[in-house]
Amino acid sequence: MKILLACSAGMSTSMIVEKMKKAAQEMGEDHQIWAVDCESIKNEIGKCDVILLGPQIRLEKENIKKIAKGTPVEVIRPMDYGRQNGKAILEFAKSLVKEEGKN
């Protein structure tokens, strides 16, 4: 699965990416996970299966959904984001893709 994370500058989500990669490795799963700043999302459309937003850009969700061409877009739960709970965020991403009928 290809998971894109985005926040204001892409820095806090970059830390979460590493936690998610570690969780995936521990579960024996191989996912492509990366982070960008909010302005760069438009350049990543079509390259990912799901887009997760940092809570600080939650107001951009509807705008991003309009350009996401059917790719699921959701805001990371603030508690998981604050705790940098890579495993929970990875499971959230997988559930969103599963809901959309993708693998």
PDB file of N, CA and C in Angstrom:
ATOM      1  N   MET A   1       0.847  -1.175   0.000  1.00  0.00           N
ATOM      2  CA  MET A   1       0.000   0.000   0.000  1.00  0.00           C
ATOM      3  C   MET A   1       0.895   1.241   0.000  1.00  0.00           C
ATOM      4  N   LYS A   2       0.406   2.288  -0.624  1.00  0.00           N
ATOM      5  CA  LYS A   2       1.138   3.555  -0.702  1.00  0.00           C
ATOM      6  C   LYS A   2       0.380   4.587   0.118  1.00  0.00           C
ATOM      7  N   ILE A   3       1.045   5.096   1.159  1.00  0.00           N
ATOM      8  CA  ILE A   3       0.409   5.987   2.124  1.00  0.00           C
ATOM      9  C   ILE A   3       1.118   7.328   2.124  1.00  0.00           C
ATOM     10  N   LEU A   4       0.363   8.373   1.848  1.00  0.00           N
ATOM     11  CA  LEU A   4       0.894   9.733   1.859  1.00  0.00           C
ATOM     12  C   LEU A   4       0.404  10.451   3.108  1.00  0.00           C
ATOM     13  N   LEU A   5       1.324  11.058   3.833  1.00  0.00           N
ATOM     14  CA  LEU A   5       0.983  11.897   4.977  1.00  0.00           C
ATOM     15  C   LEU A   5       1.315  13.335   4.618  1.00  0.00           C
ATOM     16  N   ALA A   6       0.521  14.261   5.131  1.00  0.00           N
ATOM     17  CA  ALA A   6       0.772  15.676   4.856  1.00  0.00           C
ATOM     18  C   ALA A   6       0.461  16.513   6.084  1.00  0.00           C
ATOM     19  N   CYS A   7       1.258  17.551   6.272  1.00  0.00           N
ATOM     20  CA  CYS A   7       1.007  18.534   7.326  1.00  0.00           C
ATOM     21  C   CYS A   7       1.449  19.892   6.795  1.00  0.00           C
ATOM     22  N   SER A   8       1.500  20.863   7.647  1.00  0.00           N
ATOM     23  CA  SER A   8       1.835  22.219   7.210  1.00  0.00           C
ATOM     24  C   SER A   8       3.156  22.282   6.458  1.00  0.00           C
ATOM     25  N   ALA A   9       4.206  21.738   7.069  1.00  0.00           N
ATOM     26  CA  ALA A   9       5.524  21.802   6.445  1.00  0.00           C
ATOM     27  C   ALA A   9       6.079  20.428   6.086  1.00  0.00           C
ATOM     28  N   GLY A  10       5.389  19.362   6.471  1.00  0.00           N
ATOM     29  CA  GLY A  10       5.867  18.015   6.185  1.00  0.00           C
ATOM     30  C   GLY A  10       6.868  17.488   7.195  1.00  0.00           C
ATOM     31  N   MET A  11       7.149  18.288   8.222  1.00  0.00           N
ATOM     32  CA  MET A  11       8.175  17.881   9.180  1.00  0.00           C
ATOM     33  C   MET A  11       7.639  16.952  10.269  1.00  0.00           C
ATOM     34  N   SER A  12       6.524  17.303  10.888  1.00  0.00           N
ATOM     35  CA  SER A  12       6.011  16.446  11.960  1.00  0.00           C
ATOM     36  C   SER A  12       5.523  15.120  11.390  1.00  0.00           C
ATOM     37  N   THR A  13       4.955  15.140  10.196  1.00  0.00           N
ATOM     38  CA  THR A  13       4.518  13.875   9.604  1.00  0.00           C
ATOM     39  C   THR A  13       5.714  13.023   9.180  1.00  0.00           C
ATOM     40  N   SER A  14       6.849  13.645   8.908  1.00  0.00           N
ATOM     41  CA  SER A  14       8.050  12.871   8.565  1.00  0.00           C
ATOM     42  C   SER A  14       8.477  11.995   9.735  1.00  0.00           C
ATOM     43  N   MET A  15       8.326  12.501  10.938  1.00  0.00           N
ATOM     44  CA  MET A  15       8.656  11.706  12.128  1.00  0.00           C
ATOM     45  C   MET A  15       7.678  10.537  12.255  1.00  0.00           C
ATOM     46  N   ILE A  16       6.417  10.784  11.965  1.00  0.00           N
ATOM     47  CA  ILE A  16       5.406   9.727  12.050  1.00  0.00           C
ATOM     48  C   ILE A  16       5.645   8.670  10.980  1.00  0.00           C
ATOM     49  N   VAL A  17       6.102   9.079   9.819  1.00  0.00           N
ATOM     50  CA  VAL A  17       6.412   8.131   8.749  1.00  0.00           C
ATOM     51  C   VAL A  17       7.382   7.066   9.260  1.00  0.00           C
ATOM     52  N   GLU A  18       8.418   7.497   9.964  1.00  0.00           N
ATOM     53  CA  GLU A  18       9.409   6.548  10.475  1.00  0.00           C
ATOM     54  C   GLU A  18       8.781   5.575  11.465  1.00  0.00           C
ATOM     55  N   LYS A  19       7.886   6.070  12.312  1.00  0.00           N
ATOM     56  CA  LYS A  19       7.193   5.202  13.280  1.00  0.00           C
ATOM     57  C   LYS A  19       6.287   4.209  12.546  1.00  0.00           C
ATOM     58  N   MET A  20       5.637   4.665  11.492  1.00  0.00           N
ATOM     59  CA  MET A  20       4.766   3.789  10.712  1.00  0.00           C
ATOM     60  C   MET A  20       5.582   2.717   9.985  1.00  0.00           C
ATOM     61  N   LYS A  21       6.702   3.099   9.427  1.00  0.00           N
ATOM     62  CA  LYS A  21       7.563   2.128   8.741  1.00  0.00           C
ATOM     63  C   LYS A  21       8.049   1.060   9.715  1.00  0.00           C
ATOM     64  N   LYS A  22       8.408   1.478  10.913  1.00  0.00           N
ATOM     65  CA  LYS A  22       8.862   0.537  11.932  1.00  0.00           C
ATOM     66  C   LYS A  22       7.731  -0.423  12.305  1.00  0.00           C
ATOM     67  N   ALA A  23       6.521   0.114  12.488  1.00  0.00           N
ATOM     68  CA  ALA A  23       5.369  -0.729  12.825  1.00  0.00           C
ATOM     69  C   ALA A  23       5.091  -1.722  11.701  1.00  0.00           C
ATOM     70  N   ALA A  24       5.163  -1.274  10.461  1.00  0.00           N
ATOM     71  CA  ALA A  24       4.928  -2.158   9.317  1.00  0.00           C
ATOM     72  C   ALA A  24       5.960  -3.285   9.280  1.00  0.00           C
ATOM     73  N   GLN A  25       7.193  -2.930   9.520  1.00  0.00           N
ATOM     74  CA  GLN A  25       8.268  -3.920   9.524  1.00  0.00           C
ATOM     75  C   GLN A  25       8.035  -4.959  10.623  1.00  0.00           C
ATOM     76  N   GLU A  26       7.629  -4.499  11.800  1.00  0.00           N
ATOM     77  CA  GLU A  26       7.362  -5.412  12.909  1.00  0.00           C
ATOM     78  C   GLU A  26       6.196  -6.347  12.602  1.00  0.00           C
ATOM     79  N   MET A  27       5.254  -5.899  11.765  1.00  0.00           N
ATOM     80  CA  MET A  27       4.107  -6.718  11.386  1.00  0.00           C
ATOM     81  C   MET A  27       4.392  -7.556  10.138  1.00  0.00           C
ATOM     82  N   GLY A  28       5.585  -7.424   9.599  1.00  0.00           N
ATOM     83  CA  GLY A  28       5.949  -8.176   8.401  1.00  0.00           C
ATOM     84  C   GLY A  28       5.287  -7.656   7.149  1.00  0.00           C
ATOM     85  N   GLU A  29       4.942  -6.377   7.139  1.00  0.00           N
ATOM     86  CA  GLU A  29       4.277  -5.767   5.994  1.00  0.00           C
ATOM     87  C   GLU A  29       5.216  -4.784   5.301  1.00  0.00           C
ATOM     88  N   ASP A  30       4.999  -4.619   4.022  1.00  0.00           N
ATOM     89  CA  ASP A  30       5.828  -3.716   3.234  1.00  0.00           C
ATOM     90  C   ASP A  30       4.933  -2.642   2.614  1.00  0.00           C
ATOM     91  N   HIS A  31       5.072  -1.421   3.094  1.00  0.00           N
ATOM     92  CA  HIS A  31       4.272  -0.311   2.577  1.00  0.00           C
ATOM     93  C   HIS A  31       5.203   0.819   2.163  1.00  0.00           C
ATOM     94  N   GLN A  32       4.767   1.570   1.184  1.00  0.00           N
ATOM     95  CA  GLN A  32       5.488   2.771   0.787  1.00  0.00           C
ATOM     96  C   GLN A  32       4.807   3.927   1.522  1.00  0.00           C
ATOM     97  N   ILE A  33       5.557   4.607   2.391  1.00  0.00           N
ATOM     98  CA  ILE A  33       4.990   5.671   3.227  1.00  0.00           C
ATOM     99  C   ILE A  33       5.901   6.891   3.121  1.00  0.00           C
ATOM    100  N   TRP A  34       5.312   8.050   2.829  1.00  0.00           N
ATOM    101  CA  TRP A  34       6.108   9.264   2.744  1.00  0.00           C
ATOM    102  C   TRP A  34       5.274  10.467   3.166  1.00  0.00           C
ATOM    103  N   ALA A  35       5.975  11.579   3.412  1.00  0.00           N
ATOM    104  CA  ALA A  35       5.315  12.796   3.890  1.00  0.00           C
ATOM    105  C   ALA A  35       5.692  13.984   3.018  1.00  0.00           C
ATOM    106  N   VAL A  36       4.727  14.890   2.877  1.00  0.00           N
ATOM    107  CA  VAL A  36       4.951  16.131   2.135  1.00  0.00           C
ATOM    108  C   VAL A  36       4.262  17.275   2.882  1.00  0.00           C
ATOM    109  N   ASP A  37       4.577  18.480   2.469  1.00  0.00           N
ATOM    110  CA  ASP A  37       3.859  19.636   3.000  1.00  0.00           C
ATOM    111  C   ASP A  37       2.529  19.752   2.266  1.00  0.00           C
ATOM    112  N   CYS A  38       1.621  20.503   2.827  1.00  0.00           N
ATOM    113  CA  CYS A  38       0.262  20.634   2.296  1.00  0.00           C
ATOM    114  C   CYS A  38       0.255  21.091   0.833  1.00  0.00           C
ATOM    115  N   GLU A  39       1.118  21.994   0.501  1.00  0.00           N
ATOM    116  CA  GLU A  39       1.149  22.536  -0.868  1.00  0.00           C
ATOM    117  C   GLU A  39       1.589  21.502  -1.906  1.00  0.00           C
ATOM    118  N   SER A  40       2.291  20.471  -1.481  1.00  0.00           N
ATOM    119  CA  SER A  40       2.814  19.470  -2.421  1.00  0.00           C
ATOM    120  C   SER A  40       1.871  18.308  -2.673  1.00  0.00           C
ATOM    121  N   ILE A  41       0.754  18.259  -1.977  1.00  0.00           N
ATOM    122  CA  ILE A  41      -0.178  17.140  -2.140  1.00  0.00           C
ATOM    123  C   ILE A  41      -0.612  16.990  -3.597  1.00  0.00           C
ATOM    124  N   LYS A  42      -0.894  18.096  -4.252  1.00  0.00           N
ATOM    125  CA  LYS A  42      -1.383  18.032  -5.638  1.00  0.00           C
ATOM    126  C   LYS A  42      -0.400  17.314  -6.560  1.00  0.00           C
ATOM    127  N   ASN A  43       0.882  17.346  -6.226  1.00  0.00           N
ATOM    128  CA  ASN A  43       1.895  16.668  -7.033  1.00  0.00           C
ATOM    129  C   ASN A  43       1.947  15.166  -6.766  1.00  0.00           C
ATOM    130  N   GLU A  44       1.291  14.726  -5.705  1.00  0.00           N
ATOM    131  CA  GLU A  44       1.341  13.322  -5.300  1.00  0.00           C
ATOM    132  C   GLU A  44       0.063  12.552  -5.637  1.00  0.00           C
ATOM    133  N   ILE A  45      -0.957  13.248  -6.108  1.00  0.00           N
ATOM    134  CA  ILE A  45      -2.221  12.607  -6.454  1.00  0.00           C
ATOM    135  C   ILE A  45      -1.961  11.543  -7.536  1.00  0.00           C
ATOM    136  N   GLY A  46      -2.511  10.387  -7.335  1.00  0.00           N
ATOM    137  CA  GLY A  46      -2.310   9.296  -8.278  1.00  0.00           C
ATOM    138  C   GLY A  46      -1.144   8.397  -7.916  1.00  0.00           C
ATOM    139  N   LYS A  47      -0.318   8.805  -6.977  1.00  0.00           N
ATOM    140  CA  LYS A  47       0.833   8.011  -6.558  1.00  0.00           C
ATOM    141  C   LYS A  47       0.554   7.239  -5.276  1.00  0.00           C
ATOM    142  N   CYS A  48      -0.601   7.500  -4.640  1.00  0.00           N
ATOM    143  CA  CYS A  48      -0.871   6.903  -3.329  1.00  0.00           C
ATOM    144  C   CYS A  48      -2.256   6.268  -3.283  1.00  0.00           C
ATOM    145  N   ASP A  49      -2.423   5.372  -2.310  1.00  0.00           N
ATOM    146  CA  ASP A  49      -3.712   4.707  -2.100  1.00  0.00           C
ATOM    147  C   ASP A  49      -4.561   5.422  -1.064  1.00  0.00           C
ATOM    148  N   VAL A  50      -3.934   6.211  -0.222  1.00  0.00           N
ATOM    149  CA  VAL A  50      -4.634   6.926   0.850  1.00  0.00           C
ATOM    150  C   VAL A  50      -3.816   8.162   1.226  1.00  0.00           C
ATOM    151  N   ILE A  51      -4.521   9.225   1.627  1.00  0.00           N
ATOM    152  CA  ILE A  51      -3.874  10.462   2.072  1.00  0.00           C
ATOM    153  C   ILE A  51      -4.321  10.730   3.496  1.00  0.00           C
ATOM    154  N   LEU A  52      -3.348  10.841   4.396  1.00  0.00           N
ATOM    155  CA  LEU A  52      -3.625  11.162   5.788  1.00  0.00           C
ATOM    156  C   LEU A  52      -3.104  12.565   6.087  1.00  0.00           C
ATOM    157  N   LEU A  53      -3.944  13.357   6.721  1.00  0.00           N
ATOM    158  CA  LEU A  53      -3.595  14.740   7.024  1.00  0.00           C
ATOM    159  C   LEU A  53      -3.301  14.919   8.505  1.00  0.00           C
ATOM    160  N   GLY A  54      -2.316  15.746   8.801  1.00  0.00           N
ATOM    161  CA  GLY A  54      -2.058  16.122  10.178  1.00  0.00           C
ATOM    162  C   GLY A  54      -3.226  16.972  10.671  1.00  0.00           C
ATOM    163  N   PRO A  55      -3.550  16.865  11.959  1.00  0.00           N
ATOM    164  CA  PRO A  55      -4.691  17.622  12.498  1.00  0.00           C
ATOM    165  C   PRO A  55      -4.616  19.127  12.257  1.00  0.00           C
ATOM    166  N   GLN A  56      -3.416  19.673  12.153  1.00  0.00           N
ATOM    167  CA  GLN A  56      -3.279  21.118  11.976  1.00  0.00           C
ATOM    168  C   GLN A  56      -3.757  21.602  10.605  1.00  0.00           C
ATOM    169  N   ILE A  57      -3.938  20.687   9.654  1.00  0.00           N
ATOM    170  CA  ILE A  57      -4.457  21.097   8.336  1.00  0.00           C
ATOM    171  C   ILE A  57      -5.822  20.465   8.058  1.00  0.00           C
ATOM    172  N   ARG A  58      -6.528  20.075   9.095  1.00  0.00           N
ATOM    173  CA  ARG A  58      -7.830  19.422   8.944  1.00  0.00           C
ATOM    174  C   ARG A  58      -8.819  20.274   8.153  1.00  0.00           C
ATOM    175  N   LEU A  59      -8.675  21.591   8.199  1.00  0.00           N
ATOM    176  CA  LEU A  59      -9.589  22.466   7.459  1.00  0.00           C
ATOM    177  C   LEU A  59      -9.399  22.363   5.944  1.00  0.00           C
ATOM    178  N   GLU A  60      -8.294  21.775   5.517  1.00  0.00           N
ATOM    179  CA  GLU A  60      -8.017  21.596   4.092  1.00  0.00           C
ATOM    180  C   GLU A  60      -8.600  20.300   3.542  1.00  0.00           C
ATOM    181  N   LYS A  61      -9.166  19.469   4.402  1.00  0.00           N
ATOM    182  CA  LYS A  61      -9.631  18.136   3.993  1.00  0.00           C
ATOM    183  C   LYS A  61     -10.564  18.176   2.789  1.00  0.00           C
ATOM    184  N   GLU A  62     -11.581  18.999   2.824  1.00  0.00           N
ATOM    185  CA  GLU A  62     -12.545  19.032   1.719  1.00  0.00           C
ATOM    186  C   GLU A  62     -11.901  19.499   0.417  1.00  0.00           C
ATOM    187  N   ASN A  63     -11.003  20.469   0.498  1.00  0.00           N
ATOM    188  CA  ASN A  63     -10.302  20.934  -0.707  1.00  0.00           C
ATOM    189  C   ASN A  63      -9.434  19.825  -1.292  1.00  0.00           C
ATOM    190  N   ILE A  64      -8.768  19.080  -0.408  1.00  0.00           N
ATOM    191  CA  ILE A  64      -7.898  18.001  -0.866  1.00  0.00           C
ATOM    192  C   ILE A  64      -8.738  16.863  -1.455  1.00  0.00           C
ATOM    193  N   LYS A  65      -9.870  16.570  -0.844  1.00  0.00           N
ATOM    194  CA  LYS A  65     -10.750  15.518  -1.379  1.00  0.00           C
ATOM    195  C   LYS A  65     -11.183  15.835  -2.804  1.00  0.00           C
ATOM    196  N   LYS A  66     -11.388  17.108  -3.110  1.00  0.00           N
ATOM    197  CA  LYS A  66     -11.820  17.504  -4.451  1.00  0.00           C
ATOM    198  C   LYS A  66     -10.774  17.179  -5.517  1.00  0.00           C
ATOM    199  N   ILE A  67      -9.500  17.270  -5.151  1.00  0.00           N
ATOM    200  CA  ILE A  67      -8.436  16.995  -6.124  1.00  0.00           C
ATOM    201  C   ILE A  67      -7.894  15.571  -6.027  1.00  0.00           C
ATOM    202  N   ALA A  68      -8.350  14.810  -5.030  1.00  0.00           N
ATOM    203  CA  ALA A  68      -7.786  13.481  -4.758  1.00  0.00           C
ATOM    204  C   ALA A  68      -8.271  12.390  -5.703  1.00  0.00           C
ATOM    205  N   LYS A  69      -9.230  12.689  -6.551  1.00  0.00           N
ATOM    206  CA  LYS A  69      -9.696  11.751  -7.576  1.00  0.00           C
ATOM    207  C   LYS A  69     -10.091  10.392  -7.003  1.00  0.00           C
ATOM    208  N   GLY A  70     -10.863  10.415  -5.911  1.00  0.00           N
ATOM    209  CA  GLY A  70     -11.354   9.176  -5.325  1.00  0.00           C
ATOM    210  C   GLY A  70     -10.441   8.526  -4.302  1.00  0.00           C
ATOM    211  N   THR A  71      -9.246   9.020  -4.150  1.00  0.00           N
ATOM    212  CA  THR A  71      -8.345   8.492  -3.125  1.00  0.00           C
ATOM    213  C   THR A  71      -8.879   8.899  -1.758  1.00  0.00           C
ATOM    214  N   PRO A  72      -8.964   7.961  -0.806  1.00  0.00           N
ATOM    215  CA  PRO A  72      -9.445   8.326   0.530  1.00  0.00           C
ATOM    216  C   PRO A  72      -8.564   9.394   1.174  1.00  0.00           C
ATOM    217  N   VAL A  73      -9.205  10.369   1.794  1.00  0.00           N
ATOM    218  CA  VAL A  73      -8.511  11.455   2.489  1.00  0.00           C
ATOM    219  C   VAL A  73      -9.126  11.569   3.882  1.00  0.00           C
ATOM    220  N   GLU A  74      -8.304  11.458   4.904  1.00  0.00           N
ATOM    221  CA  GLU A  74      -8.795  11.599   6.276  1.00  0.00           C
ATOM    222  C   GLU A  74      -7.757  12.286   7.135  1.00  0.00           C
ATOM    223  N   VAL A  75      -8.237  12.807   8.252  1.00  0.00           N
ATOM    224  CA  VAL A  75      -7.369  13.463   9.228  1.00  0.00           C
ATOM    225  C   VAL A  75      -6.927  12.418  10.258  1.00  0.00           C
ATOM    226  N   ILE A  76      -5.659  12.415  10.576  1.00  0.00           N
ATOM    227  CA  ILE A  76      -5.136  11.515  11.607  1.00  0.00           C
ATOM    228  C   ILE A  76      -5.732  11.916  12.951  1.00  0.00           C
ATOM    229  N   ARG A  77      -6.143  10.942  13.726  1.00  0.00           N
ATOM    230  CA  ARG A  77      -6.697  11.224  15.053  1.00  0.00           C
ATOM    231  C   ARG A  77      -5.669  11.999  15.876  1.00  0.00           C
ATOM    232  N   PRO A  78      -6.093  13.123  16.475  1.00  0.00           N
ATOM    233  CA  PRO A  78      -5.151  13.969  17.219  1.00  0.00           C
ATOM    234  C   PRO A  78      -4.348  13.225  18.289  1.00  0.00           C
ATOM    235  N   MET A  79      -4.973  12.285  19.002  1.00  0.00           N
ATOM    236  CA  MET A  79      -4.241  11.569  20.047  1.00  0.00           C
ATOM    237  C   MET A  79      -3.141  10.696  19.434  1.00  0.00           C
ATOM    238  N   ASP A  80      -3.457  10.001  18.344  1.00  0.00           N
ATOM    239  CA  ASP A  80      -2.445   9.174  17.683  1.00  0.00           C
ATOM    240  C   ASP A  80      -1.343  10.038  17.104  1.00  0.00           C
ATOM    241  N   TYR A  81      -1.725  11.182  16.565  1.00  0.00           N
ATOM    242  CA  TYR A  81      -0.751  12.106  15.978  1.00  0.00           C
ATOM    243  C   TYR A  81       0.192  12.639  17.063  1.00  0.00           C
ATOM    244  N   GLY A  82      -0.392  13.112  18.162  1.00  0.00           N
ATOM    245  CA  GLY A  82       0.410  13.673  19.247  1.00  0.00           C
ATOM    246  C   GLY A  82       1.342  12.659  19.874  1.00  0.00           C
ATOM    247  N   ARG A  83       0.893  11.441  19.975  1.00  0.00           N
ATOM    248  CA  ARG A  83       1.711  10.368  20.563  1.00  0.00           C
ATOM    249  C   ARG A  83       2.621   9.710  19.537  1.00  0.00           C
ATOM    250  N   GLN A  84       2.491  10.117  18.284  1.00  0.00           N
ATOM    251  CA  GLN A  84       3.236   9.528  17.178  1.00  0.00           C
ATOM    252  C   GLN A  84       3.091   8.010  17.192  1.00  0.00           C
ATOM    253  N   ASN A  85       1.847   7.563  17.301  1.00  0.00           N
ATOM    254  CA  ASN A  85       1.530   6.144  17.370  1.00  0.00           C
ATOM    255  C   ASN A  85       1.495   5.567  15.952  1.00  0.00           C
ATOM    256  N   GLY A  86       2.653   5.199  15.470  1.00  0.00           N
ATOM    257  CA  GLY A  86       2.789   4.705  14.110  1.00  0.00           C
ATOM    258  C   GLY A  86       1.921   3.504  13.807  1.00  0.00           C
ATOM    259  N   LYS A  87       1.815   2.586  14.754  1.00  0.00           N
ATOM    260  CA  LYS A  87       1.008   1.383  14.529  1.00  0.00           C
ATOM    261  C   LYS A  87      -0.465   1.748  14.365  1.00  0.00           C
ATOM    262  N   ALA A  88      -0.996   2.590  15.238  1.00  0.00           N
ATOM    263  CA  ALA A  88      -2.409   2.978  15.151  1.00  0.00           C
ATOM    264  C   ALA A  88      -2.692   3.740  13.862  1.00  0.00           C
ATOM    265  N   ILE A  89      -1.787   4.608  13.464  1.00  0.00           N
ATOM    266  CA  ILE A  89      -1.984   5.386  12.240  1.00  0.00           C
ATOM    267  C   ILE A  89      -1.908   4.476  11.015  1.00  0.00           C
ATOM    268  N   LEU A  90      -1.010   3.506  11.045  1.00  0.00           N
ATOM    269  CA  LEU A  90      -0.920   2.538   9.953  1.00  0.00           C
ATOM    270  C   LEU A  90      -2.211   1.732   9.851  1.00  0.00           C
ATOM    271  N   GLU A  91      -2.723   1.274  10.979  1.00  0.00           N
ATOM    272  CA  GLU A  91      -3.982   0.516  10.979  1.00  0.00           C
ATOM    273  C   GLU A  91      -5.142   1.377  10.460  1.00  0.00           C
ATOM    274  N   PHE A  92      -5.133   2.662  10.811  1.00  0.00           N
ATOM    275  CA  PHE A  92      -6.154   3.589  10.331  1.00  0.00           C
ATOM    276  C   PHE A  92      -6.089   3.701   8.808  1.00  0.00           C
ATOM    277  N   ALA A  93      -4.885   3.853   8.281  1.00  0.00           N
ATOM    278  CA  ALA A  93      -4.706   3.954   6.827  1.00  0.00           C
ATOM    279  C   ALA A  93      -5.205   2.686   6.139  1.00  0.00           C
ATOM    280  N   LYS A  94      -4.861   1.535   6.685  1.00  0.00           N
ATOM    281  CA  LYS A  94      -5.289   0.267   6.095  1.00  0.00           C
ATOM    282  C   LYS A  94      -6.810   0.144   6.117  1.00  0.00           C
ATOM    283  N   SER A  95      -7.435   0.603   7.187  1.00  0.00           N
ATOM    284  CA  SER A  95      -8.902   0.515   7.272  1.00  0.00           C
ATOM    285  C   SER A  95      -9.569   1.406   6.233  1.00  0.00           C
ATOM    286  N   LEU A  96      -8.987   2.552   5.960  1.00  0.00           N
ATOM    287  CA  LEU A  96      -9.546   3.458   4.955  1.00  0.00           C
ATOM    288  C   LEU A  96      -9.463   2.857   3.560  1.00  0.00           C
ATOM    289  N   VAL A  97      -8.355   2.229   3.257  1.00  0.00           N
ATOM    290  CA  VAL A  97      -8.181   1.607   1.943  1.00  0.00           C
ATOM    291  C   VAL A  97      -9.122   0.419   1.823  1.00  0.00           C
ATOM    292  N   LYS A  98      -9.257  -0.343   2.889  1.00  0.00           N
ATOM    293  CA  LYS A  98     -10.159  -1.493   2.878  1.00  0.00           C
ATOM    294  C   LYS A  98     -11.607  -1.046   2.635  1.00  0.00           C
ATOM    295  N   GLU A  99     -11.992   0.071   3.268  1.00  0.00           N
ATOM    296  CA  GLU A  99     -13.343   0.612   3.066  1.00  0.00           C
ATOM    297  C   GLU A  99     -13.592   0.965   1.613  1.00  0.00           C
ATOM    298  N   GLU A 100     -12.566   1.428   0.942  1.00  0.00           N
ATOM    299  CA  GLU A 100     -12.688   1.835  -0.463  1.00  0.00           C
ATOM    300  C   GLU A 100     -12.610   0.645  -1.411  1.00  0.00           C
ATOM    301  N   GLY A 101     -12.360  -0.549  -0.842  1.00  0.00           N
ATOM    302  CA  GLY A 101     -12.298  -1.744  -1.673  1.00  0.00           C
ATOM    303  C   GLY A 101     -10.983  -1.923  -2.395  1.00  0.00           C
ATOM    304  N   LYS A 102      -9.942  -1.232  -1.915  1.00  0.00           N
ATOM    305  CA  LYS A 102      -8.623  -1.367  -2.523  1.00  0.00           C
ATOM    306  C   LYS A 102      -7.786  -2.302  -1.672  1.00  0.00           C
ATOM    307  N   ASN A 103      -6.673  -2.780  -2.234  1.00  0.00           N
ATOM    308  CA  ASN A 103      -5.735  -3.607  -1.475  1.00  0.00           C
ATOM    309  C   ASN A 103      -4.384  -2.985  -1.455  1.00  0.00           C
TER     310      ASN A 103
END
